[in-house]
Amino acid sequence: MSGTPRNTSNKIRAVFKSRMQDGKRCSGSIPYGYKRVPGDKQTLYVDEEAASVVRRIFDMAASGASLAQIGQTLSDEKVLIPSAYEERYHPESARHHSYHDPYRWNTTTLTYILDRQEYLGHTVLCKSIRENFKLKKRRAATPEERIVFKNTHEAIIDQETWDKAQRLRKRNPKKLPSGTYSHRLAGMVFCADCGSRMSFSSPESKHRDSDVVYDSDSSWQCSKYRNMYVSCTSHFIKTSTIEAAILNAIKAMTKEIIENEDEFAEQLQAAWESQNTQVSSESKKELHSVQKRIDELDALIRSLYENSVLGKIPERQYQRLMAQYDEEQAVCEARIAELKKELDVVETTKVDLKRFIKLIQKYKNCETLTDEMLYELVEKVVIHSASGGRTIYRQQQIDIYFNFIGDAFPSQIEISRGDKKNLTEQQLAKRKKYQKTAGENRKKKRAALREAAKTDPQAAAEYEALLQKGRERCRKYAQNKKLAQQESADTVPIQFEPSEEMKGESA
């Protein structure tokens, strides 16, 4: 039996696993951007020409470019794909010789490059597993199954660029059809109530006859609003409001760091620990409750089975109740797995204050929110439902989650009574200024149309229509004024002249 195919397979697998646990490579393939030297099959050396392409791919991903945009850029610049590059410059190690176009980069190749930890200088082994020796099919290994040896060769990408690129890849903004529009915040704005991504409304999608663009044209609302299956409110918010809140939060943090960096770090650390403790406490409480319910279901199932065996319950009721208990138990077990995973994340995640403070110090004197600032500092933005309606007292909570520290820094702004009074005065002044500007613009437009009407028949027709519209408006105004005067005359009390008898009586 020792020579059976199964035993032979197990022995070979054990040999490979032993070699991998010692940090030795068992595969002949090497990542694009590296090369081997004759006589050394284990050490990777940087291939500078290919490595420059790898750095550029990561830089573009870290700046927010999509995989399709990166691929199109490389294709337009006639950069050789990895297979064509290996075939031309390293034919001895080339493994793939069939490709449609040597310059056509696809998203699969770019995903393969962006996923490889080897570019950080690490050796990653056991990346795929064959479950059955009879089958050739392999599956991707889980992160726990992989064997990683850190800092075994020269890195092409630094940790900061890697982390930034992976964060922006998680944004995964929705792929839009031709003719539609996206925004730099796409994939980063979420609804606080249902957790869905917020959908973006672009000014270009309004298609007005005039060229007027309002601030509210660029806005966000919950993607589940008016959904026939999931009910959620609009959560409408302007893009300018979100960007202003992010910029103000960054300015507030830079101010705190300038005034007292150590105290600011202590406050963030305390807030982070308090927040994690609360989340952990709530998760543990729910975990205990769900586990208790599973124990109760076990007791109910045991009792139900005994009653069925003793004939105390009909078979039909037994089957129905057993199916209900089994379904509820499966839901509870799934929830327990989720809660344990959440607790593991809370316990293993650590706040990286030093890295965050070093990063935010780059933007001490920021006045505008740039793409680089946004992608380096902000993880996501959570929008709550607004209060105050469509008035100047409208308030809306915005939770800004920063990279490395989460939402430990408060971002909600409270408006005091004094601020409300100032807002009212500002709103009235803004309205008067708008009315004045609109009146001046109408006069200028009318004067220009009057001049053009002297020589252009079409302009003359437009000017005549404008005059007719004005005459109609004046006619309606005069008619309404006359009706108002008549109503006023009808309601005035009648004054009687006193008679001679009344005068005599009064005398």
Protein backbone atom coordinates (compact mmCIF):
# COMPACT_ATOMS: atom_id res chain seq x y z
CA MET A 1 0.00 0.00 0.00
CA SER A 2 3.02 2.29 0.45
CA GLY A 3 3.32 2.73 -3.31
CA THR A 4 -0.27 3.80 -3.98
CA PRO A 5 -0.85 7.08 -5.84
CA ARG A 6 -2.41 8.61 -2.71
CA ASN A 7 0.63 7.84 -0.53
CA THR A 8 3.01 9.07 -3.22
CA SER A 9 1.04 12.30 -3.51
CA ASN A 10 1.12 12.81 0.25
CA LYS A 11 4.88 12.26 0.37
CA ILE A 12 5.52 14.74 -2.43
CA ARG A 13 3.22 17.25 -0.77
CA ALA A 14 5.06 16.80 2.54
CA VAL A 15 8.42 17.43 0.83
CA PHE A 16 7.14 20.61 -0.82
CA LYS A 17 5.63 21.84 2.43
CA SER A 18 8.87 21.19 4.31
CA ARG A 19 10.84 23.17 1.71
CA MET A 20 8.34 26.04 1.85
CA GLN A 21 8.46 26.14 5.64
CA ASP A 22 12.23 26.58 5.30
CA GLY A 23 11.59 29.57 3.02
CA LYS A 24 12.63 27.84 -0.22
CA ARG A 25 10.76 28.46 -3.46
CA CYS A 26 9.18 25.46 -5.14
CA SER A 27 7.80 27.25 -8.20
CA GLY A 28 9.80 28.33 -11.21
CA SER A 29 7.77 31.49 -11.85
CA ILE A 30 8.95 34.85 -10.53
CA PRO A 31 7.03 38.13 -10.23
CA TYR A 32 7.20 40.67 -13.05
CA GLY A 33 9.84 43.24 -12.04
CA TYR A 34 12.31 40.71 -10.65
CA LYS A 35 14.87 38.38 -12.21
CA ARG A 36 17.19 35.57 -11.20
CA VAL A 37 20.92 35.28 -11.71
CA PRO A 38 22.54 32.05 -12.94
CA GLY A 39 23.31 29.65 -10.13
CA ASP A 40 20.85 31.16 -7.63
CA LYS A 41 17.25 29.96 -7.94
CA GLN A 42 16.08 31.29 -4.57
CA THR A 43 17.05 34.97 -4.46
CA LEU A 44 15.12 37.61 -6.43
CA TYR A 45 16.97 40.56 -7.94
CA VAL A 46 15.31 43.76 -9.17
CA ASP A 47 14.93 44.07 -12.94
CA GLU A 48 15.03 47.87 -13.07
CA GLU A 49 13.28 48.36 -16.39
CA ALA A 50 10.27 46.21 -15.43
CA ALA A 51 10.40 47.49 -11.83
CA SER A 52 9.86 51.06 -13.06
CA VAL A 53 6.61 49.91 -14.70
CA VAL A 54 5.53 48.20 -11.46
CA ARG A 55 6.23 51.40 -9.48
CA ARG A 56 4.22 53.40 -11.98
CA ILE A 57 1.27 51.00 -11.72
CA PHE A 58 1.25 51.31 -7.93
CA ASP A 59 1.64 55.10 -8.10
CA MET A 60 -1.35 55.40 -10.44
CA ALA A 61 -3.42 53.08 -8.23
CA ALA A 62 -2.39 55.12 -5.16
CA SER A 63 -3.54 58.32 -6.89
CA GLY A 64 -7.05 56.94 -7.42
CA ALA A 65 -6.83 55.71 -11.03
CA SER A 66 -9.00 52.69 -11.89
CA LEU A 67 -7.59 49.49 -13.35
CA ALA A 68 -9.13 50.34 -16.72
CA GLN A 69 -7.46 53.77 -16.71
CA ILE A 70 -4.07 52.30 -15.74
CA GLY A 71 -4.32 49.66 -18.46
CA GLN A 72 -5.34 52.20 -21.09
CA THR A 73 -2.44 54.50 -20.16
CA LEU A 74 0.15 51.71 -20.44
CA SER A 75 -1.37 50.45 -23.70
CA ASP A 76 -1.35 53.92 -25.24
CA GLU A 77 2.34 54.34 -24.31
CA LYS A 78 3.22 50.97 -25.90
CA VAL A 79 4.54 49.38 -22.69
CA LEU A 80 5.12 45.64 -23.15
CA ILE A 81 2.87 43.34 -21.13
CA PRO A 82 4.74 40.95 -18.71
CA SER A 83 4.54 37.92 -21.07
CA ALA A 84 5.90 39.87 -24.04
CA TYR A 85 8.58 41.49 -21.87
CA GLU A 86 9.80 38.11 -20.57
CA GLU A 87 9.84 36.66 -24.07
CA ARG A 88 11.90 39.55 -25.43
CA TYR A 89 14.38 40.13 -22.58
CA HIS A 90 14.39 36.83 -20.62
CA PRO A 91 13.46 34.09 -23.12
CA GLU A 92 15.05 31.39 -20.94
CA SER A 93 12.41 31.93 -18.22
CA ALA A 94 9.45 32.88 -20.46
CA ARG A 95 6.45 30.59 -19.90
CA HIS A 96 3.68 32.23 -21.94
CA HIS A 97 4.15 32.74 -25.66
CA SER A 98 0.61 33.28 -26.91
CA TYR A 99 -1.01 36.68 -26.56
CA HIS A 100 -3.21 38.76 -28.81
CA ASP A 101 -1.40 42.10 -28.50
CA PRO A 102 2.00 42.63 -26.76
CA TYR A 103 0.92 46.12 -25.66
CA ARG A 104 -2.66 45.41 -24.50
CA TRP A 105 -2.81 45.54 -20.69
CA ASN A 106 -5.93 44.02 -19.12
CA THR A 107 -7.36 44.30 -15.62
CA THR A 108 -6.50 40.67 -14.79
CA THR A 109 -2.78 41.31 -15.25
CA LEU A 110 -2.94 44.54 -13.24
CA THR A 111 -4.87 42.84 -10.42
CA TYR A 112 -2.23 40.11 -10.34
CA ILE A 113 0.53 42.71 -9.96
CA LEU A 114 -1.27 44.82 -7.36
CA ASP A 115 -2.02 41.74 -5.22
CA ARG A 116 1.57 40.50 -4.96
CA GLN A 117 3.25 41.10 -1.61
CA GLU A 118 6.60 40.16 -3.16
CA TYR A 119 6.96 43.80 -4.24
CA LEU A 120 7.29 44.71 -0.52
CA GLY A 121 10.34 42.46 -0.28
CA HIS A 122 8.49 39.44 1.17
CA THR A 123 8.55 35.82 0.05
CA VAL A 124 5.01 34.39 -0.22
CA LEU A 125 4.66 30.61 -0.55
CA CYS A 126 1.76 28.12 -0.67
CA LYS A 127 -0.46 30.52 -2.63
CA SER A 128 -2.61 27.76 -4.14
CA ILE A 129 -3.73 24.35 -2.90
CA ARG A 130 -4.83 21.16 -4.66
CA GLU A 131 -7.50 19.52 -2.51
CA ASN A 132 -7.48 16.13 -4.25
CA PHE A 133 -4.50 14.41 -5.85
CA LYS A 134 -6.79 12.98 -8.56
CA LEU A 135 -7.82 16.42 -9.76
CA LYS A 136 -5.67 19.09 -11.41
CA LYS A 137 -7.89 21.92 -10.19
CA ARG A 138 -6.33 24.16 -7.57
CA ARG A 139 -7.90 26.80 -5.32
CA ALA A 140 -6.43 30.01 -3.97
CA ALA A 141 -5.08 29.63 -0.44
CA THR A 142 -6.56 31.73 2.34
CA PRO A 143 -4.35 34.32 4.08
CA GLU A 144 -4.04 31.91 7.04
CA GLU A 145 -2.83 29.06 4.79
CA ARG A 146 -0.13 31.10 3.07
CA ILE A 147 3.46 31.06 4.31
CA VAL A 148 5.06 34.52 4.37
CA PHE A 149 8.73 35.34 5.05
CA LYS A 150 9.30 39.08 5.38
CA ASN A 151 12.20 41.15 4.04
CA THR A 152 13.89 38.36 2.06
CA HIS A 153 14.85 40.46 -0.99
CA GLU A 154 14.97 44.07 -2.21
CA ALA A 155 11.56 45.78 -2.22
CA ILE A 156 10.22 47.61 -5.27
CA ILE A 157 7.28 49.27 -3.48
CA ASP A 158 7.35 50.90 -0.03
CA GLN A 159 4.72 50.03 2.59
CA GLU A 160 3.03 53.45 2.45
CA THR A 161 2.42 53.30 -1.32
CA TRP A 162 1.21 49.70 -1.02
CA ASP A 163 -1.30 50.57 1.75
CA LYS A 164 -2.59 53.60 -0.13
CA ALA A 165 -3.07 51.62 -3.35
CA GLN A 166 -4.93 48.82 -1.52
CA ARG A 167 -7.22 51.32 0.25
CA LEU A 168 -8.19 53.00 -2.99
CA ARG A 169 -8.78 49.65 -4.69
CA LYS A 170 -11.34 48.88 -1.97
CA ARG A 171 -13.24 52.03 -2.97
CA ASN A 172 -14.25 50.14 -6.11
CA PRO A 173 -16.36 52.97 -7.57
CA LYS A 174 -19.27 51.83 -9.68
CA LYS A 175 -18.42 51.23 -13.34
CA LEU A 176 -20.42 53.78 -15.30
CA PRO A 177 -21.63 53.51 -18.89
CA SER A 178 -20.41 55.96 -21.52
CA GLY A 179 -21.92 59.44 -21.18
CA THR A 180 -22.36 59.34 -17.38
CA TYR A 181 -20.27 61.04 -14.73
CA SER A 182 -18.42 60.11 -11.55
CA HIS A 183 -16.74 62.01 -8.69
CA ARG A 184 -13.56 61.68 -6.67
CA LEU A 185 -15.63 60.81 -3.57
CA ALA A 186 -17.28 57.87 -5.37
CA GLY A 187 -17.09 54.70 -3.28
CA MET A 188 -16.28 56.65 -0.10
CA VAL A 189 -19.69 58.08 0.90
CA PHE A 190 -22.09 55.81 2.82
CA CYS A 191 -25.56 56.07 4.36
CA ALA A 192 -25.57 55.94 8.18
CA ASP A 193 -28.95 54.18 8.41
CA CYS A 194 -28.85 51.35 5.85
CA GLY A 195 -25.07 51.25 5.20
CA SER A 196 -25.46 51.51 1.42
CA ARG A 197 -23.24 53.62 -0.77
CA MET A 198 -24.54 57.06 -1.61
CA SER A 199 -25.20 57.74 -5.29
CA PHE A 200 -23.78 60.83 -6.98
CA SER A 201 -25.81 63.35 -8.97
CA SER A 202 -23.68 65.35 -11.41
CA PRO A 203 -24.34 68.91 -12.65
CA GLU A 204 -23.79 67.61 -16.20
CA SER A 205 -26.77 65.29 -15.83
CA LYS A 206 -29.28 68.15 -15.36
CA HIS A 207 -29.39 69.03 -19.10
CA ARG A 208 -30.83 72.53 -18.63
CA ASP A 209 -31.43 74.81 -21.59
CA SER A 210 -29.47 77.57 -19.85
CA ASP A 211 -25.87 77.29 -18.68
CA VAL A 212 -26.79 78.05 -15.06
CA VAL A 213 -25.20 75.65 -12.54
CA TYR A 214 -26.30 75.61 -8.91
CA ASP A 215 -24.27 74.39 -5.94
CA SER A 216 -26.93 71.77 -5.16
CA ASP A 217 -26.59 70.24 -8.64
CA SER A 218 -23.55 68.30 -7.41
CA SER A 219 -25.04 66.18 -4.62
CA TRP A 220 -25.41 62.75 -3.01
CA GLN A 221 -28.33 60.70 -1.78
CA CYS A 222 -28.81 57.17 -0.49
CA SER A 223 -28.86 54.61 -3.30
CA LYS A 224 -31.69 52.75 -1.51
CA TYR A 225 -33.95 55.83 -1.47
CA ARG A 226 -37.26 55.03 -3.20
CA ASN A 227 -36.13 51.43 -3.59
CA MET A 228 -39.07 49.03 -3.84
CA TYR A 229 -37.30 46.38 -1.72
CA VAL A 230 -35.34 48.43 0.86
CA SER A 231 -36.86 51.50 2.49
CA CYS A 232 -34.52 54.38 3.34
CA THR A 233 -34.72 58.17 3.41
CA SER A 234 -32.92 60.47 0.97
CA HIS A 235 -30.02 61.66 3.18
CA PHE A 236 -29.51 64.38 0.54
CA ILE A 237 -26.30 66.37 0.93
CA LYS A 238 -24.34 68.67 -1.36
CA THR A 239 -20.86 67.70 -2.48
CA SER A 240 -19.54 71.09 -1.37
CA THR A 241 -20.83 70.39 2.17
CA ILE A 242 -18.98 67.07 2.40
CA GLU A 243 -15.74 68.51 1.04
CA ALA A 244 -15.96 71.54 3.36
CA ALA A 245 -16.51 69.22 6.37
CA ILE A 246 -13.47 67.12 5.43
CA LEU A 247 -11.29 70.19 4.92
CA ASN A 248 -12.43 71.74 8.23
CA ALA A 249 -11.70 68.50 10.10
CA ILE A 250 -8.19 68.34 8.58
CA LYS A 251 -7.57 71.99 9.48
CA ALA A 252 -8.78 71.38 13.03
CA MET A 253 -6.42 68.42 13.42
CA THR A 254 -3.43 70.27 12.00
CA LYS A 255 -4.17 73.13 14.43
CA GLU A 256 -4.27 70.70 17.36
CA ILE A 257 -0.99 69.13 16.26
CA ILE A 258 0.73 72.51 15.91
CA GLU A 259 -0.42 73.65 19.36
CA ASN A 260 0.31 70.45 21.28
CA GLU A 261 1.17 67.28 19.40
CA ASP A 262 1.58 65.04 22.49
CA GLU A 263 -1.74 66.07 24.01
CA PHE A 264 -3.51 65.57 20.70
CA ALA A 265 -2.02 62.07 20.38
CA GLU A 266 -3.17 61.19 23.91
CA GLN A 267 -6.72 62.41 23.18
CA LEU A 268 -6.91 60.38 19.97
CA GLN A 269 -5.56 57.28 21.74
CA ALA A 270 -8.13 57.64 24.54
CA ALA A 271 -10.97 58.15 22.07
CA TRP A 272 -9.88 55.13 20.04
CA GLU A 273 -9.68 52.87 23.11
CA SER A 274 -13.05 54.07 24.41
CA GLN A 275 -14.68 53.46 21.04
CA ASN A 276 -13.20 49.97 20.66
CA THR A 277 -14.16 49.07 24.22
CA GLN A 278 -17.76 50.05 23.54
CA VAL A 279 -17.90 48.08 20.28
CA SER A 280 -16.27 45.07 21.94
CA SER A 281 -18.68 45.23 24.90
CA GLU A 282 -21.75 45.38 22.65
CA SER A 283 -20.50 42.52 20.46
CA LYS A 284 -19.73 40.34 23.50
CA LYS A 285 -23.16 41.05 24.95
CA GLU A 286 -24.88 40.06 21.71
CA LEU A 287 -22.63 37.00 21.37
CA HIS A 288 -23.66 35.83 24.85
CA SER A 289 -27.35 36.38 24.00
CA VAL A 290 -27.16 34.43 20.72
CA GLN A 291 -25.22 31.60 22.35
CA LYS A 292 -27.87 31.40 25.09
CA ARG A 293 -30.58 31.14 22.42
CA ILE A 294 -28.70 28.27 20.73
CA ASP A 295 -28.59 26.39 24.04
CA GLU A 296 -32.34 26.95 24.43
CA LEU A 297 -32.94 25.62 20.92
CA ASP A 298 -30.86 22.53 21.71
CA ALA A 299 -33.05 21.85 24.74
CA LEU A 300 -36.23 22.41 22.71
CA ILE A 301 -35.07 20.07 19.94
CA ARG A 302 -34.15 17.37 22.49
CA SER A 303 -37.55 17.68 24.18
CA LEU A 304 -39.34 17.69 20.82
CA TYR A 305 -37.56 14.50 19.78
CA GLU A 306 -38.41 12.73 23.04
CA ASN A 307 -42.07 13.71 22.71
CA SER A 308 -42.10 12.43 19.14
CA VAL A 309 -40.57 9.08 20.17
CA LEU A 310 -43.11 8.71 22.98
CA GLY A 311 -45.93 9.52 20.59
CA LYS A 312 -47.02 12.67 22.44
CA ILE A 313 -46.87 14.82 19.30
CA PRO A 314 -48.07 14.08 15.74
CA GLU A 315 -45.42 13.48 13.10
CA ARG A 316 -46.60 16.43 10.98
CA GLN A 317 -46.19 18.92 13.87
CA TYR A 318 -42.86 17.35 14.78
CA GLN A 319 -41.48 17.90 11.26
CA ARG A 320 -42.77 21.48 11.08
CA LEU A 321 -41.37 22.52 14.48
CA MET A 322 -38.07 20.76 13.83
CA ALA A 323 -37.65 22.66 10.55
CA GLN A 324 -38.34 25.98 12.32
CA TYR A 325 -35.86 25.27 15.11
CA ASP A 326 -33.24 24.08 12.65
CA GLU A 327 -33.61 27.24 10.53
CA GLU A 328 -33.34 29.52 13.57
CA GLN A 329 -30.31 27.61 14.82
CA ALA A 330 -28.55 28.04 11.47
CA VAL A 331 -29.19 31.82 11.59
CA CYS A 332 -27.80 32.01 15.13
CA GLU A 333 -24.68 30.04 14.20
CA ALA A 334 -24.02 32.36 11.25
CA ARG A 335 -24.45 35.39 13.51
CA ILE A 336 -22.02 33.93 16.06
CA ALA A 337 -19.40 33.49 13.33
CA GLU A 338 -19.88 37.16 12.29
CA LEU A 339 -19.58 38.43 15.87
CA LYS A 340 -16.43 36.41 16.52
CA LYS A 341 -14.91 37.81 13.36
CA GLU A 342 -15.80 41.38 14.44
CA LEU A 343 -14.23 40.80 17.87
CA ASP A 344 -11.06 39.44 16.26
CA VAL A 345 -10.82 42.55 14.09
CA VAL A 346 -11.32 44.85 17.10
CA GLU A 347 -8.67 43.01 19.12
CA THR A 348 -6.08 42.86 16.33
CA THR A 349 -6.59 46.36 14.86
CA LYS A 350 -4.36 48.99 16.39
CA VAL A 351 -4.37 52.74 15.97
CA ASP A 352 -1.23 53.99 14.19
CA LEU A 353 -0.96 57.51 15.64
CA LYS A 354 2.64 58.16 14.68
CA ARG A 355 2.00 57.32 11.05
CA PHE A 356 -1.18 59.41 10.95
CA ILE A 357 0.43 62.46 12.59
CA LYS A 358 3.39 62.22 10.22
CA LEU A 359 0.99 62.07 7.29
CA ILE A 360 -1.21 64.98 8.36
CA GLN A 361 1.79 67.23 9.06
CA LYS A 362 2.25 67.40 5.27
CA TYR A 363 -0.94 69.48 5.08
CA LYS A 364 -0.43 72.08 7.82
CA ASN A 365 -1.17 75.01 5.53
CA CYS A 366 -3.88 73.46 3.38
CA GLU A 367 -6.53 75.78 1.93
CA THR A 368 -8.20 73.46 -0.58
CA LEU A 369 -9.00 69.76 -0.54
CA THR A 370 -6.82 68.05 -3.14
CA ASP A 371 -7.20 64.51 -4.44
CA GLU A 372 -3.93 63.51 -2.78
CA MET A 373 -5.13 64.78 0.62
CA LEU A 374 -8.47 63.04 0.24
CA TYR A 375 -7.07 59.63 -0.69
CA GLU A 376 -4.20 59.70 1.81
CA LEU A 377 -6.20 60.80 4.85
CA VAL A 378 -9.84 59.77 4.44
CA GLU A 379 -11.10 56.18 4.58
CA LYS A 380 -14.84 56.87 4.23
CA VAL A 381 -17.59 59.40 5.00
CA VAL A 382 -20.88 58.41 6.66
CA ILE A 383 -23.89 60.69 6.16
CA HIS A 384 -26.75 60.86 8.68
CA SER A 385 -30.30 62.01 8.01
CA ALA A 386 -30.72 65.81 8.19
CA SER A 387 -32.92 67.79 10.57
CA GLY A 388 -34.36 71.27 10.08
CA GLY A 389 -35.78 70.66 6.61
CA ARG A 390 -34.95 73.00 3.73
CA THR A 391 -34.19 75.97 5.97
CA ILE A 392 -31.09 77.85 7.07
CA TYR A 393 -31.25 75.84 10.32
CA ARG A 394 -30.69 72.54 8.53
CA GLN A 395 -28.19 70.35 10.39
CA GLN A 396 -26.69 67.08 9.26
CA GLN A 397 -24.16 64.89 11.02
CA ILE A 398 -21.17 63.80 8.96
CA ASP A 399 -18.88 61.08 10.36
CA ILE A 400 -15.44 61.19 8.77
CA TYR A 401 -13.33 58.04 9.13
CA PHE A 402 -9.62 58.76 8.74
CA ASN A 403 -7.00 56.21 7.79
CA PHE A 404 -5.11 54.70 10.75
CA ILE A 405 -7.42 56.27 13.41
CA GLY A 406 -11.00 55.59 12.23
CA ASP A 407 -13.61 58.12 13.41
CA ALA A 408 -11.85 58.90 16.71
CA PHE A 409 -11.76 62.58 15.76
CA PRO A 410 -15.22 64.21 16.19
CA SER A 411 -16.61 65.82 13.04
CA GLN A 412 -20.18 66.88 13.96
CA ILE A 413 -20.68 70.66 14.16
CA GLU A 414 -23.28 72.13 16.52
CA ILE A 415 -24.92 75.46 15.66
CA SER A 416 -25.62 77.81 18.59
CA ARG A 417 -28.41 80.44 18.76
CA GLY A 418 -25.96 83.25 18.07
CA ASP A 419 -24.68 81.38 15.02
CA LYS A 420 -28.26 80.88 13.84
CA LYS A 421 -28.90 84.64 14.07
CA ASN A 422 -25.73 85.30 12.07
CA LEU A 423 -26.80 82.69 9.52
CA THR A 424 -30.18 84.44 9.13
CA GLU A 425 -28.54 87.80 8.53
CA GLN A 426 -26.08 86.25 6.08
CA GLN A 427 -28.93 84.52 4.24
CA LEU A 428 -30.91 87.77 3.89
CA ALA A 429 -27.84 89.66 2.68
CA LYS A 430 -27.10 86.89 0.20
CA ARG A 431 -30.70 87.01 -1.09
CA LYS A 432 -30.61 90.80 -1.57
CA LYS A 433 -27.31 90.54 -3.39
CA TYR A 434 -28.73 87.82 -5.65
CA GLN A 435 -31.85 89.87 -6.45
CA LYS A 436 -29.74 92.91 -7.31
CA THR A 437 -27.41 90.90 -9.54
CA ALA A 438 -30.33 89.14 -11.25
CA GLY A 439 -32.03 92.49 -11.98
CA GLU A 440 -28.85 93.94 -13.49
CA ASN A 441 -28.36 90.84 -15.64
CA ARG A 442 -31.93 91.06 -16.94
CA LYS A 443 -31.42 94.74 -17.90
CA LYS A 444 -28.16 93.94 -19.71
CA LYS A 445 -29.76 91.03 -21.57
CA ARG A 446 -32.74 93.16 -22.61
CA ALA A 447 -30.52 96.02 -23.83
CA ALA A 448 -28.39 93.63 -25.88
CA LEU A 449 -31.51 92.05 -27.39
CA ARG A 450 -32.93 95.48 -28.27
CA GLU A 451 -29.73 96.42 -30.13
CA ALA A 452 -29.65 93.10 -31.98
CA ALA A 453 -33.32 93.51 -32.98
CA LYS A 454 -32.41 96.47 -35.16
CA THR A 455 -30.57 94.23 -37.65
CA ASP A 456 -31.54 90.61 -36.88
CA PRO A 457 -35.15 89.49 -37.67
CA GLN A 458 -34.92 86.56 -35.25
CA ALA A 459 -33.73 88.85 -32.45
CA ALA A 460 -36.52 91.28 -33.36
CA ALA A 461 -39.09 88.48 -32.96
CA GLU A 462 -37.58 87.51 -29.58
CA TYR A 463 -37.62 91.14 -28.44
CA GLU A 464 -41.24 91.56 -29.50
CA ALA A 465 -42.17 88.38 -27.59
CA LEU A 466 -40.34 89.76 -24.55
CA LEU A 467 -42.25 93.05 -24.81
CA GLN A 468 -45.54 91.22 -25.21
CA LYS A 469 -44.74 89.17 -22.13
CA GLY A 470 -44.03 92.36 -20.21
CA ARG A 471 -47.28 93.97 -21.38
CA GLU A 472 -49.23 90.89 -20.32
CA ARG A 473 -47.59 90.96 -16.93
CA CYS A 474 -48.43 94.67 -16.51
CA ARG A 475 -52.04 94.04 -17.60
CA LYS A 476 -52.46 91.28 -15.02
CA TYR A 477 -50.87 93.45 -12.35
CA ALA A 478 -53.26 96.35 -13.12
CA GLN A 479 -56.24 93.99 -13.13
CA ASN A 480 -55.29 92.45 -9.78
CA LYS A 481 -54.71 95.91 -8.31
CA LYS A 482 -58.16 97.09 -9.47
CA LEU A 483 -59.82 94.01 -7.94
CA ALA A 484 -57.99 94.59 -4.68
CA GLN A 485 -59.15 98.22 -4.59
CA GLN A 486 -62.77 97.18 -5.21
CA GLU A 487 -62.63 94.61 -2.42
CA SER A 488 -61.13 97.23 -0.14
CA ALA A 489 -63.93 99.71 -1.00
CA ASP A 490 -66.58 97.07 -0.29
CA THR A 491 -65.24 96.44 3.19
CA VAL A 492 -64.87 100.15 4.23
CA PRO A 493 -67.61 101.11 6.80
CA ILE A 494 -70.24 103.61 5.51
CA GLN A 495 -70.05 107.07 7.13
CA PHE A 496 -73.53 108.66 7.75
CA GLU A 497 -73.97 112.42 7.86
CA PRO A 498 -75.79 113.36 11.12
CA SER A 499 -79.33 114.75 10.59
CA GLU A 500 -80.67 118.04 11.99
CA GLU A 501 -82.61 116.19 14.69
CA MET A 502 -79.49 114.34 15.79
CA LYS A 503 -77.56 117.61 15.86
CA GLY A 504 -80.31 119.18 18.04
CA GLU A 505 -80.29 116.25 20.41
CA SER A 506 -76.58 116.41 20.78
CA ALA A 507 -76.75 120.13 21.46
